Amino acid sequence: MFDEALIAAARTSKAWPFQEAMKLVKRYPNGRPDGQPVLFETGYGPSGLPHIGTFQEVLRTTLVRRAYQIVASTDGTPAPTRLVAFSDDMDGLRKVPDNVPNGEVLSANLGRPLSRIPDPFGTHESFAHHNNAMLRTFLDRFGFDYEFVSASDRYNSGAFDDALRGVLRHYQSIMDVMLPTLREERRRTYSPILPVSPTSGVVLQVPVEVLDAETGLVRFEDEGRMVEQSVLGGQAKLQWKVDWAMRWVALGVDYEMYGKDLTDSGTQSGKIAAVLGGRRPEGMIYELFLDENGEKISKSKGNGLTIEEWLTYGSEESLGFYLFREPKSAKSLHVGVIPRAVDEYWQFRAKIPEQPPQQQLGNPVWHLLRTNGEAGGGGDTLPVTYGLLLNLVGVLGAGATRDQVWSYLGNYIADPDPAQHPQLDLLVGAALAYNRDFVAPTLQRRAPDANEAEALAELDRQLAAASDTSAEGLQTMVYEIGKRPEYGFESLRDWFKALYETLLGSPQGPRMGSFIALYGIDSTRRLIAEALTASAGPDTTV
């Protein structure tokens, strides 16, 4: 149940899920005229396996769905909604993916609908059935609430037959929408209808003549001969933009978001939906992901980041947090963004209880905690940040173990038991993997300069007498040493940079007081001793 104050605040919130949801309130001020739940849709092409783009589209759509349930509530109960995950598995296979076994099975079936091609994995009745099962397993893994709908089931069962008749009735009007958008060569062969060859089973890209819209009868050329065949009952599918529009109208889709690369498709499909007597859904056009060099992510280039990679080096919650923010701005997607996303997620989570309602509604974590229809979790914190864990593991080296990390955590938390801190333990494993694969190979401690060595020696002297000092007290100690004029630091930033480079082997690092408390005073003094030894010797690195 939602209270009136929450509903009122949500309706004026600037958070993008609520702003998107208000589009639907304007579309249906009194709910859908037919009394049915508002329908949200996400689309999926099952020629490949689910990926991080699949996750982000379903997650973001779910965020809008949950927001709509609040802003459209009239009596405190969630406004009725549905979410359909639609698989375009009637598409013809255009090329053999690189990441599947038995590629020759697919090569022999190029052009045929994905749902009518043998499964190269040998586990399902078709290639599409295999990938659809992977999609459902993927979505179920993250607890999404959705209904799965397959294009092949709808076409084959006749559920789309009435919509196909509508396309045939308005054939020329649809051509009038599409032809001006095509090159001259494409215009000569374009047809909104793609019949399935009765001989080869291939989805044909050929001109089609409509003979009888009510029976679905069309004429087309197939392997040098003219064929008359109905398009109903799975004997044809529609071109992409026409198919998208037909689906919107046939299913009654009210909301669907899509990437910037589909902007033109969305425009043309909206026009075709109007021709078919329907209405383009509300939606948001989101920006695409970029790699660390600012280039568009491409599966063929392999310059992306898989969801498994994110979950190896971060957490599911941090991925959701990263995807929530600024969906209309291009986002870099590479392993380097993970640590900050993890720590910012927990920072925002901790803030929820102290925020007034309007600020809570703008807090990404407030939304993420409600994606599966539940709340709670606000105010939770981790005793150690992910960044601090990475610094600790970096000092321990590439061979560090989970047990070693937890033994050091005993310096910092009262009950260093992984079973009592499962979310922290997950991040310990992630930090070990991140350090092993990305940090350890790059770390190189340099020898301190003369003035830096003097400051380090003073820090060592003070640490020797600081056995019971808190992390804040240690931080103050480090600050005060860096401010002393005899050590010649132009700014505290130079002093901390020296600490990071000489003790941790990195140009950046944590709050040193927290690190010393976590790593331990004796262990930190050993690091200082190693740095001072390097300063006295001929080598410049340790």
Protein backbone atom coordinates (compact mmCIF):
# COMPACT_ATOMS: atom_id res chain seq x y z
CA MET A 1 0.00 0.00 0.00
CA PHE A 2 1.16 3.52 -0.80
CA ASP A 3 0.27 6.49 1.38
CA GLU A 4 -1.06 9.70 -0.13
CA ALA A 5 2.09 11.65 0.68
CA LEU A 6 4.23 9.17 -1.28
CA ILE A 7 1.88 9.24 -4.27
CA ALA A 8 1.81 13.05 -4.31
CA ALA A 9 5.60 13.30 -4.01
CA ALA A 10 6.12 10.72 -6.75
CA ARG A 11 3.88 12.62 -9.17
CA THR A 12 6.12 15.71 -8.91
CA SER A 13 9.46 13.90 -8.58
CA LYS A 14 12.24 14.75 -11.03
CA ALA A 15 13.60 11.18 -10.91
CA TRP A 16 13.47 9.78 -14.45
CA PRO A 17 11.40 6.64 -13.65
CA PHE A 18 8.63 8.84 -12.23
CA GLN A 19 8.84 11.27 -15.14
CA GLU A 20 8.53 8.35 -17.56
CA ALA A 21 5.63 6.94 -15.53
CA MET A 22 3.81 10.29 -15.68
CA LYS A 23 3.73 9.97 -19.49
CA LEU A 24 1.46 6.98 -18.96
CA VAL A 25 -0.70 8.88 -16.48
CA LYS A 26 -1.22 11.55 -19.16
CA ARG A 27 -1.93 8.83 -21.73
CA TYR A 28 -4.54 7.23 -19.48
CA PRO A 29 -5.75 9.73 -16.84
CA ASN A 30 -8.36 7.19 -15.69
CA GLY A 31 -6.50 3.99 -16.54
CA ARG A 32 -6.84 2.04 -19.77
CA PRO A 33 -10.32 2.39 -21.26
CA ASP A 34 -10.63 -1.40 -21.57
CA GLY A 35 -9.84 -1.85 -17.89
CA GLN A 36 -6.78 -3.97 -18.65
CA PRO A 37 -3.42 -3.49 -16.89
CA VAL A 38 -0.99 -1.06 -18.52
CA LEU A 39 1.35 -3.16 -20.66
CA PHE A 40 5.13 -2.71 -20.65
CA GLU A 41 7.27 -4.53 -23.21
CA THR A 42 10.91 -5.34 -23.78
CA GLY A 43 12.14 -6.96 -26.99
CA TYR A 44 14.84 -9.59 -27.47
CA GLY A 45 16.53 -10.98 -30.58
CA PRO A 46 17.32 -14.64 -29.82
CA SER A 47 20.09 -15.04 -32.39
CA GLY A 48 22.56 -14.58 -29.51
CA LEU A 49 22.74 -15.09 -25.78
CA PRO A 50 21.38 -12.60 -23.20
CA HIS A 51 23.85 -9.87 -22.32
CA ILE A 52 24.24 -6.72 -20.26
CA GLY A 53 22.06 -4.77 -22.69
CA THR A 54 19.25 -7.25 -22.10
CA PHE A 55 19.59 -6.75 -18.36
CA GLN A 56 19.60 -2.97 -18.55
CA GLU A 57 16.50 -2.77 -20.73
CA VAL A 58 14.45 -5.09 -18.51
CA LEU A 59 15.75 -3.38 -15.36
CA ARG A 60 15.02 0.14 -16.56
CA THR A 61 11.58 -0.86 -17.83
CA THR A 62 10.85 -2.47 -14.47
CA LEU A 63 11.87 0.74 -12.71
CA VAL A 64 9.33 2.68 -14.77
CA ARG A 65 6.72 -0.01 -14.15
CA ARG A 66 7.18 0.24 -10.38
CA ALA A 67 7.07 4.03 -10.58
CA TYR A 68 3.81 3.89 -12.54
CA GLN A 69 2.26 1.60 -9.95
CA ILE A 70 2.76 4.43 -7.46
CA VAL A 71 1.87 7.52 -9.50
CA ALA A 72 -1.27 5.90 -10.97
CA SER A 73 -2.50 4.53 -7.65
CA THR A 74 -5.94 5.84 -6.68
CA ASP A 75 -6.61 4.05 -3.40
CA GLY A 76 -3.10 3.24 -2.21
CA THR A 77 -2.89 -0.09 -4.02
CA PRO A 78 -0.43 -0.50 -6.93
CA ALA A 79 -1.95 0.38 -10.29
CA PRO A 80 -2.30 -2.85 -12.36
CA THR A 81 0.55 -3.52 -14.83
CA ARG A 82 2.08 -6.31 -16.92
CA LEU A 83 5.57 -6.70 -18.35
CA VAL A 84 6.05 -8.79 -21.49
CA ALA A 85 9.48 -10.01 -22.57
CA PHE A 86 9.00 -10.56 -26.32
CA SER A 87 11.31 -12.79 -28.36
CA ASP A 88 11.62 -12.09 -32.11
CA ASP A 89 12.25 -15.75 -32.87
CA MET A 90 10.57 -15.78 -36.28
CA ASP A 91 13.48 -13.79 -37.70
CA GLY A 92 15.56 -15.53 -40.34
CA LEU A 93 19.12 -16.41 -39.26
CA ARG A 94 21.45 -14.00 -41.09
CA LYS A 95 24.85 -15.26 -39.97
CA VAL A 96 26.39 -17.90 -37.75
CA PRO A 97 27.33 -16.53 -34.31
CA ASP A 98 30.95 -17.04 -33.26
CA ASN A 99 30.17 -18.37 -29.80
CA VAL A 100 28.09 -21.48 -30.55
CA PRO A 101 29.15 -25.09 -31.13
CA ASN A 102 28.39 -27.07 -34.28
CA GLY A 103 28.33 -24.00 -36.49
CA GLU A 104 27.78 -26.19 -39.55
CA VAL A 105 24.25 -26.92 -38.27
CA LEU A 106 23.45 -23.23 -38.43
CA SER A 107 25.29 -22.69 -41.72
CA ALA A 108 23.01 -25.24 -43.35
CA ASN A 109 19.94 -23.32 -42.15
CA LEU A 110 20.79 -19.71 -42.93
CA GLY A 111 17.70 -17.65 -43.72
CA ARG A 112 15.25 -19.94 -41.95
CA PRO A 113 13.29 -18.74 -38.89
CA LEU A 114 15.30 -19.14 -35.70
CA SER A 115 12.54 -21.29 -34.23
CA ARG A 116 12.78 -23.73 -37.17
CA ILE A 117 16.52 -24.34 -37.00
CA PRO A 118 18.02 -27.31 -35.09
CA ASP A 119 19.63 -26.42 -31.78
CA PRO A 120 23.43 -26.60 -32.22
CA PHE A 121 23.71 -27.18 -28.46
CA GLY A 122 21.56 -30.30 -28.80
CA THR A 123 19.37 -29.54 -25.79
CA HIS A 124 16.20 -27.97 -27.22
CA GLU A 125 13.89 -28.39 -30.18
CA SER A 126 15.34 -25.36 -31.99
CA PHE A 127 18.06 -22.72 -31.79
CA ALA A 128 15.46 -20.14 -30.72
CA HIS A 129 14.04 -22.44 -28.04
CA HIS A 130 17.54 -22.83 -26.61
CA ASN A 131 18.20 -19.07 -26.54
CA ASN A 132 14.69 -18.33 -25.26
CA ALA A 133 15.33 -20.71 -22.38
CA MET A 134 18.61 -18.92 -21.71
CA LEU A 135 16.74 -15.60 -21.67
CA ARG A 136 14.16 -16.85 -19.20
CA THR A 137 16.82 -18.37 -16.95
CA PHE A 138 18.72 -15.08 -17.15
CA LEU A 139 15.69 -12.97 -16.20
CA ASP A 140 14.64 -15.40 -13.47
CA ARG A 141 18.15 -15.26 -12.01
CA PHE A 142 17.65 -11.58 -11.24
CA GLY A 143 14.09 -11.99 -9.97
CA PHE A 144 12.32 -10.00 -12.70
CA ASP A 145 8.53 -10.23 -12.84
CA TYR A 146 7.57 -10.76 -16.48
CA GLU A 147 5.55 -12.80 -18.97
CA PHE A 148 7.43 -14.44 -21.82
CA VAL A 149 5.91 -14.15 -25.31
CA SER A 150 7.38 -15.74 -28.43
CA ALA A 151 6.87 -14.37 -31.94
CA SER A 152 6.87 -17.89 -33.41
CA ASP A 153 4.12 -18.99 -31.01
CA ARG A 154 2.01 -15.96 -31.95
CA TYR A 155 2.55 -16.34 -35.69
CA ASN A 156 2.17 -20.14 -35.76
CA SER A 157 -0.92 -20.25 -33.55
CA GLY A 158 -2.75 -17.65 -35.61
CA ALA A 159 -2.81 -15.18 -32.72
CA PHE A 160 -1.34 -12.55 -35.07
CA ASP A 161 -3.59 -13.44 -38.02
CA ASP A 162 -6.04 -10.57 -37.52
CA ALA A 163 -3.12 -8.15 -37.26
CA LEU A 164 -1.62 -9.62 -40.45
CA ARG A 165 -4.94 -9.10 -42.26
CA GLY A 166 -4.77 -5.48 -41.12
CA VAL A 167 -1.31 -5.15 -42.67
CA LEU A 168 -2.62 -6.56 -45.96
CA ARG A 169 -5.64 -4.24 -45.91
CA HIS A 170 -3.36 -1.24 -45.43
CA TYR A 171 -0.55 -2.59 -47.59
CA GLN A 172 -0.16 0.47 -49.79
CA SER A 173 -0.39 2.93 -46.91
CA ILE A 174 2.42 1.08 -45.16
CA MET A 175 4.44 1.14 -48.39
CA ASP A 176 3.86 4.90 -48.53
CA VAL A 177 5.42 5.20 -45.06
CA MET A 178 8.40 2.97 -45.78
CA LEU A 179 9.44 3.59 -49.39
CA PRO A 180 10.61 7.21 -48.90
CA THR A 181 13.02 5.96 -46.20
CA LEU A 182 14.70 3.38 -48.48
CA ARG A 183 17.39 3.53 -51.12
CA GLU A 184 16.30 3.06 -54.73
CA GLU A 185 17.64 -0.50 -55.01
CA ARG A 186 15.91 -1.55 -51.78
CA ARG A 187 12.63 0.00 -52.89
CA ARG A 188 12.44 -2.37 -55.89
CA THR A 189 12.36 -5.46 -53.67
CA TYR A 190 10.81 -4.14 -50.45
CA SER A 191 7.67 -5.68 -49.04
CA PRO A 192 6.16 -5.34 -45.54
CA ILE A 193 5.41 -9.08 -45.73
CA LEU A 194 8.17 -11.71 -45.72
CA PRO A 195 6.70 -15.02 -46.87
CA VAL A 196 8.29 -18.27 -45.78
CA SER A 197 9.33 -20.33 -48.81
CA PRO A 198 7.22 -23.50 -49.09
CA THR A 199 10.23 -25.32 -50.58
CA SER A 200 13.30 -24.11 -48.65
CA GLY A 201 11.70 -22.79 -45.47
CA VAL A 202 13.70 -19.57 -45.83
CA VAL A 203 12.22 -16.19 -44.90
CA LEU A 204 12.11 -14.49 -48.31
CA GLN A 205 12.93 -10.87 -49.07
CA VAL A 206 10.86 -10.56 -52.25
CA PRO A 207 8.14 -8.29 -53.66
CA VAL A 208 4.66 -9.47 -52.70
CA GLU A 209 1.30 -8.92 -54.41
CA VAL A 210 -1.75 -8.96 -52.16
CA LEU A 211 -4.52 -11.10 -53.69
CA ASP A 212 -7.01 -11.34 -50.82
CA ALA A 213 -6.45 -9.55 -47.51
CA GLU A 214 -9.20 -11.47 -45.67
CA THR A 215 -7.81 -14.92 -46.44
CA GLY A 216 -4.23 -13.66 -46.28
CA LEU A 217 -3.50 -14.79 -49.85
CA VAL A 218 -0.47 -13.25 -51.59
CA ARG A 219 1.61 -13.97 -54.70
CA PHE A 220 5.43 -13.93 -54.85
CA GLU A 221 8.34 -15.48 -56.72
CA ASP A 222 10.22 -18.36 -55.13
CA GLU A 223 13.09 -20.12 -56.88
CA GLY A 224 12.01 -18.93 -60.32
CA ARG A 225 8.32 -19.75 -60.07
CA MET A 226 5.29 -17.76 -58.94
CA VAL A 227 3.69 -19.01 -55.73
CA GLU A 228 0.29 -18.17 -54.24
CA GLN A 229 0.25 -18.73 -50.49
CA SER A 230 -1.50 -17.47 -47.39
CA VAL A 231 0.57 -15.43 -44.95
CA LEU A 232 -1.50 -16.63 -41.99
CA GLY A 233 -0.66 -19.36 -39.48
CA GLY A 234 3.10 -18.91 -39.50
CA GLN A 235 3.58 -18.94 -43.28
CA ALA A 236 5.08 -15.44 -43.22
CA LYS A 237 6.44 -12.80 -40.90
CA LEU A 238 6.68 -9.04 -41.18
CA GLN A 239 9.61 -6.76 -41.90
CA TRP A 240 11.21 -5.43 -38.72
CA LYS A 241 9.63 -1.96 -38.51
CA VAL A 242 6.23 -3.25 -39.63
CA ASP A 243 6.50 -6.19 -37.24
CA TRP A 244 7.29 -3.87 -34.34
CA ALA A 245 4.27 -1.68 -35.14
CA MET A 246 1.98 -4.70 -35.60
CA ARG A 247 3.10 -6.10 -32.24
CA TRP A 248 2.40 -2.79 -30.48
CA VAL A 249 -1.14 -2.80 -31.87
CA ALA A 250 -1.88 -6.53 -31.52
CA LEU A 251 -0.63 -6.80 -27.94
CA GLY A 252 -1.75 -3.34 -26.86
CA VAL A 253 1.71 -2.20 -25.74
CA ASP A 254 1.64 1.04 -23.74
CA TYR A 255 5.32 1.50 -22.94
CA GLU A 256 8.58 0.37 -24.54
CA MET A 257 12.01 1.97 -24.32
CA TYR A 258 14.80 1.40 -26.83
CA GLY A 259 18.31 2.48 -27.71
CA LYS A 260 19.33 5.53 -29.68
CA ASP A 261 20.28 3.33 -32.63
CA LEU A 262 16.58 2.46 -33.08
CA THR A 263 15.35 6.06 -33.14
CA ASP A 264 14.44 5.96 -36.83
CA SER A 265 12.84 2.53 -36.47
CA GLY A 266 10.69 3.86 -33.62
CA THR A 267 9.56 6.82 -35.74
CA GLN A 268 8.56 4.71 -38.74
CA SER A 269 6.96 2.02 -36.60
CA GLY A 270 4.93 4.69 -34.84
CA LYS A 271 3.56 5.89 -38.18
CA ILE A 272 2.70 2.34 -39.20
CA ALA A 273 0.98 1.71 -35.86
CA ALA A 274 -1.26 4.70 -36.62
CA VAL A 275 -2.03 3.28 -40.09
CA LEU A 276 -3.08 0.03 -38.39
CA GLY A 277 -5.46 1.95 -36.14
CA GLY A 278 -3.29 1.83 -33.05
CA ARG A 279 -1.06 4.15 -31.12
CA ARG A 280 2.66 4.26 -30.62
CA PRO A 281 3.59 3.37 -27.02
CA GLU A 282 5.17 5.82 -24.64
CA GLY A 283 8.86 5.27 -24.09
CA MET A 284 12.34 6.56 -23.52
CA ILE A 285 15.22 6.56 -25.99
CA TYR A 286 18.34 5.70 -24.06
CA GLU A 287 21.97 6.25 -25.00
CA LEU A 288 24.32 3.42 -25.91
CA PHE A 289 27.34 2.09 -24.06
CA LEU A 290 30.91 3.11 -24.92
CA ASP A 291 34.16 1.31 -24.19
CA GLU A 292 37.06 2.86 -22.29
CA ASN A 293 38.25 4.54 -25.52
CA GLY A 294 34.87 6.18 -26.10
CA GLU A 295 33.95 3.85 -28.97
CA LYS A 296 30.54 2.23 -29.38
CA ILE A 297 30.46 -1.25 -27.90
CA SER A 298 30.17 -3.98 -30.50
CA LYS A 299 29.78 -7.70 -29.96
CA SER A 300 31.76 -8.35 -33.15
CA LYS A 301 34.65 -6.20 -31.89
CA GLY A 302 34.54 -7.82 -28.47
CA ASN A 303 35.11 -4.46 -26.79
CA GLY A 304 32.20 -4.75 -24.39
CA LEU A 305 31.78 -5.98 -20.85
CA THR A 306 29.71 -9.06 -20.13
CA ILE A 307 27.36 -9.32 -17.20
CA GLU A 308 29.40 -12.25 -15.91
CA GLU A 309 32.50 -10.06 -15.90
CA TRP A 310 30.70 -7.37 -13.92
CA LEU A 311 29.48 -9.92 -11.39
CA THR A 312 33.01 -11.34 -11.10
CA TYR A 313 34.52 -7.97 -10.18
CA GLY A 314 31.51 -6.24 -8.63
CA SER A 315 27.95 -6.96 -7.51
CA GLU A 316 24.51 -7.17 -9.05
CA GLU A 317 23.37 -4.16 -6.99
CA SER A 318 26.26 -2.04 -8.24
CA LEU A 319 25.41 -2.93 -11.84
CA GLY A 320 21.82 -1.84 -11.31
CA PHE A 321 23.05 1.38 -9.71
CA TYR A 322 25.35 2.12 -12.66
CA LEU A 323 22.57 1.48 -15.17
CA PHE A 324 20.07 3.61 -13.27
CA ARG A 325 21.95 6.85 -13.54
CA GLU A 326 21.67 9.20 -16.56
CA PRO A 327 20.10 6.72 -19.00
CA LYS A 328 19.94 9.41 -21.69
CA SER A 329 23.70 10.01 -21.53
CA ALA A 330 26.32 7.76 -23.13
CA LYS A 331 28.00 5.60 -20.51
CA SER A 332 31.42 4.00 -20.51
CA LEU A 333 31.16 0.31 -19.78
CA HIS A 334 34.45 -1.30 -18.79
CA VAL A 335 35.95 -2.88 -15.68
CA GLY A 336 37.41 0.43 -14.53
CA VAL A 337 33.96 1.80 -13.62
CA ILE A 338 33.08 -1.08 -11.29
CA PRO A 339 34.83 -0.14 -8.00
CA ARG A 340 33.32 3.33 -7.88
CA ALA A 341 29.87 1.98 -8.74
CA VAL A 342 30.09 -0.51 -5.87
CA ASP A 343 31.02 2.13 -3.30
CA GLU A 344 28.53 4.70 -4.56
CA TYR A 345 25.74 2.14 -4.38
CA TRP A 346 26.43 1.62 -0.67
CA GLN A 347 26.80 5.35 -0.06
CA PHE A 348 23.36 6.00 -1.54
CA ARG A 349 21.87 3.02 0.30
CA ALA A 350 23.10 4.33 3.63
CA LYS A 351 21.52 7.76 3.01
CA ILE A 352 17.92 6.59 2.55
CA PRO A 353 16.65 6.78 6.18
CA GLU A 354 17.99 10.29 6.75
CA GLN A 355 16.57 11.72 3.50
CA PRO A 356 13.20 13.50 3.32
CA PRO A 357 10.66 11.72 1.06
CA GLN A 358 11.32 13.82 -2.05
CA GLN A 359 15.07 13.11 -1.85
CA GLN A 360 14.41 9.42 -1.28
CA LEU A 361 12.46 9.32 -4.54
CA GLY A 362 15.54 10.65 -6.32
CA ASN A 363 17.84 8.11 -4.70
CA PRO A 364 18.72 5.36 -7.22
CA VAL A 365 18.90 2.72 -4.49
CA TRP A 366 15.35 3.55 -3.31
CA HIS A 367 14.17 2.49 -6.77
CA LEU A 368 16.46 -0.52 -7.06
CA LEU A 369 15.28 -1.93 -3.75
CA ARG A 370 11.74 -2.00 -5.18
CA THR A 371 12.41 -3.66 -8.55
CA ASN A 372 11.07 -7.01 -7.35
CA GLY A 373 8.08 -5.49 -5.61
CA GLU A 374 9.72 -5.26 -2.21
CA ALA A 375 11.34 -2.53 -0.15
CA GLY A 376 13.68 -2.48 2.84
CA GLY A 377 17.43 -2.33 2.96
CA GLY A 378 17.66 1.43 3.33
CA GLY A 379 20.32 2.47 5.82
CA ASP A 380 22.38 -0.67 5.44
CA THR A 381 26.11 -0.08 5.32
CA LEU A 382 29.30 -2.04 4.79
CA PRO A 383 32.00 -1.79 7.47
CA VAL A 384 34.68 -1.52 4.76
CA THR A 385 34.46 0.13 1.34
CA TYR A 386 35.27 -1.78 -1.81
CA GLY A 387 38.02 0.72 -2.58
CA LEU A 388 39.64 0.03 0.78
CA LEU A 389 39.38 -3.72 0.18
CA LEU A 390 41.14 -3.27 -3.15
CA ASN A 391 43.97 -1.36 -1.45
CA LEU A 392 44.32 -4.05 1.18
CA VAL A 393 44.36 -6.86 -1.38
CA GLY A 394 46.79 -4.87 -3.51
CA VAL A 395 49.29 -4.76 -0.66
CA LEU A 396 48.77 -8.45 0.07
CA GLY A 397 49.60 -9.29 -3.55
CA ALA A 398 48.16 -11.40 -6.37
CA GLY A 399 48.40 -14.55 -4.27
CA ALA A 400 46.23 -13.22 -1.44
CA THR A 401 43.48 -15.50 -0.14
CA ARG A 402 40.01 -14.89 1.24
CA ASP A 403 41.13 -16.10 4.68
CA GLN A 404 44.03 -13.64 4.68
CA VAL A 405 41.72 -10.74 3.87
CA TRP A 406 39.32 -11.70 6.64
CA SER A 407 42.17 -11.97 9.12
CA TYR A 408 43.05 -8.33 8.38
CA LEU A 409 39.37 -7.34 8.57
CA GLY A 410 39.62 -8.41 12.19
CA ASN A 411 41.67 -5.24 12.77
CA TYR A 412 38.72 -3.15 11.66
CA ILE A 413 35.43 -4.86 12.55
CA ALA A 414 34.35 -6.53 15.77
CA ASP A 415 33.01 -9.79 14.28
CA PRO A 416 35.13 -10.70 11.23
CA ASP A 417 32.95 -13.67 10.27
CA PRO A 418 32.01 -14.04 6.58
CA ALA A 419 28.70 -15.65 7.58
CA GLN A 420 27.75 -12.48 9.48
CA HIS A 421 28.71 -10.23 6.55
CA PRO A 422 27.67 -12.07 3.36
CA GLN A 423 27.61 -8.92 1.19
CA LEU A 424 31.07 -7.92 2.38
CA ASP A 425 32.30 -11.45 1.75
CA LEU A 426 30.99 -11.26 -1.82
CA LEU A 427 33.06 -8.11 -2.30
CA VAL A 428 36.13 -9.77 -0.76
CA GLY A 429 35.94 -12.36 -3.53
CA ALA A 430 35.36 -9.66 -6.13
CA ALA A 431 38.32 -7.63 -4.85
CA LEU A 432 40.62 -10.67 -5.01
CA ALA A 433 39.59 -11.29 -8.62
CA TYR A 434 39.87 -7.61 -9.59
CA ASN A 435 43.30 -7.32 -8.00
CA ARG A 436 44.54 -10.53 -9.61
CA ASP A 437 43.41 -9.58 -13.11
CA PHE A 438 43.85 -5.81 -13.24
CA VAL A 439 45.66 -4.30 -10.26
CA ALA A 440 48.53 -6.58 -9.29
CA PRO A 441 50.14 -6.53 -12.76
CA THR A 442 50.33 -2.72 -12.66
CA LEU A 443 51.40 -2.00 -9.08
CA GLN A 444 54.96 -0.74 -8.64
CA ARG A 445 56.11 1.00 -5.49
CA ARG A 446 58.68 3.71 -6.06
CA ALA A 447 61.41 4.77 -3.66
CA PRO A 448 60.55 7.94 -1.67
CA ASP A 449 62.40 11.20 -2.26
CA ALA A 450 64.51 12.56 0.59
CA ASN A 451 61.81 14.82 2.04
CA GLU A 452 59.22 12.05 1.64
CA ALA A 453 61.51 9.62 3.47
CA GLU A 454 61.82 12.06 6.40
CA ALA A 455 58.03 12.35 6.61
CA LEU A 456 57.63 8.58 6.43
CA ALA A 457 60.16 8.14 9.23
CA GLU A 458 58.16 10.56 11.37
CA LEU A 459 54.95 8.66 10.59
CA ASP A 460 56.68 5.45 11.65
CA ARG A 461 57.78 7.01 14.95
CA GLN A 462 54.26 8.16 15.73
CA LEU A 463 52.69 4.84 14.72
CA ALA A 464 55.02 3.06 17.14
CA ALA A 465 53.17 4.79 19.97
CA ALA A 466 49.67 4.61 18.48
CA SER A 467 48.51 1.09 19.31
CA ASP A 468 44.99 2.08 20.43
CA THR A 469 44.39 4.99 18.06
CA SER A 470 41.16 4.98 16.02
CA ALA A 471 41.00 5.27 12.23
CA GLU A 472 40.01 8.93 12.59
CA GLY A 473 42.90 9.52 14.98
CA LEU A 474 45.30 7.88 12.54
CA GLN A 475 43.93 10.04 9.74
CA THR A 476 44.54 13.16 11.81
CA MET A 477 48.07 11.97 12.52
CA VAL A 478 48.80 11.57 8.82
CA TYR A 479 47.28 14.99 8.07
CA GLU A 480 49.37 16.77 10.68
CA ILE A 481 52.62 15.27 9.43
CA GLY A 482 51.86 16.33 5.86
CA LYS A 483 51.21 19.93 6.96
CA ARG A 484 54.56 20.36 8.70
CA PRO A 485 56.69 22.82 6.69
CA GLU A 486 60.01 21.02 7.25
CA TYR A 487 58.89 18.21 4.91
CA GLY A 488 58.33 20.58 2.01
CA PHE A 489 55.00 19.36 0.62
CA GLU A 490 53.29 22.05 -1.40
CA SER A 491 49.91 20.54 -0.51
CA LEU A 492 48.46 17.65 1.43
CA ARG A 493 47.61 16.12 -1.92
CA ASP A 494 51.34 15.74 -2.64
CA TRP A 495 51.87 14.02 0.70
CA PHE A 496 49.05 11.55 0.16
CA LYS A 497 50.21 10.89 -3.39
CA ALA A 498 53.63 10.07 -1.99
CA LEU A 499 52.09 7.66 0.52
CA TYR A 500 50.11 5.90 -2.19
CA GLU A 501 53.05 5.60 -4.58
CA THR A 502 55.68 4.53 -2.05
CA LEU A 503 53.58 2.28 0.18
CA LEU A 504 50.82 0.98 -2.10
CA GLY A 505 52.38 1.25 -5.55
CA SER A 506 49.43 3.21 -6.94
CA PRO A 507 48.87 6.91 -7.82
CA GLN A 508 45.55 6.82 -5.97
CA GLY A 509 44.43 5.31 -2.71
CA PRO A 510 42.13 5.30 0.32
CA ARG A 511 41.85 7.38 3.45
CA MET A 512 45.17 6.47 4.99
CA GLY A 513 43.77 6.37 8.52
CA SER A 514 41.22 3.74 7.48
CA PHE A 515 43.85 1.78 5.58
CA ILE A 516 46.30 1.76 8.51
CA ALA A 517 43.54 0.63 10.87
CA LEU A 518 42.54 -2.16 8.46
CA TYR A 519 46.01 -3.30 7.48
CA GLY A 520 47.30 -2.98 11.03
CA ILE A 521 49.88 -0.62 12.54
CA ASP A 522 52.66 -3.23 12.64
CA SER A 523 52.06 -4.23 9.02
CA THR A 524 51.99 -0.58 7.95
CA ARG A 525 55.29 0.04 9.74
CA ARG A 526 56.80 -2.85 7.77
CA LEU A 527 55.66 -1.16 4.54
CA ILE A 528 57.31 2.05 5.69
CA ALA A 529 60.51 0.19 6.54
CA GLU A 530 60.60 -1.33 3.04
CA ALA A 531 60.12 2.12 1.51
CA LEU A 532 62.89 3.65 3.62
CA THR A 533 65.23 0.80 2.70
CA ALA A 534 64.50 1.44 -0.96
CA SER A 535 65.19 5.13 -0.44
CA ALA A 536 68.65 4.35 0.91
CA GLY A 537 69.58 1.92 -1.87
CA PRO A 538 70.40 2.25 -5.60
CA ASP A 539 67.09 0.88 -6.87
CA THR A 540 64.22 3.27 -7.68
CA THR A 541 61.39 0.77 -7.26
CA VAL A 542 60.44 -1.94 -4.85
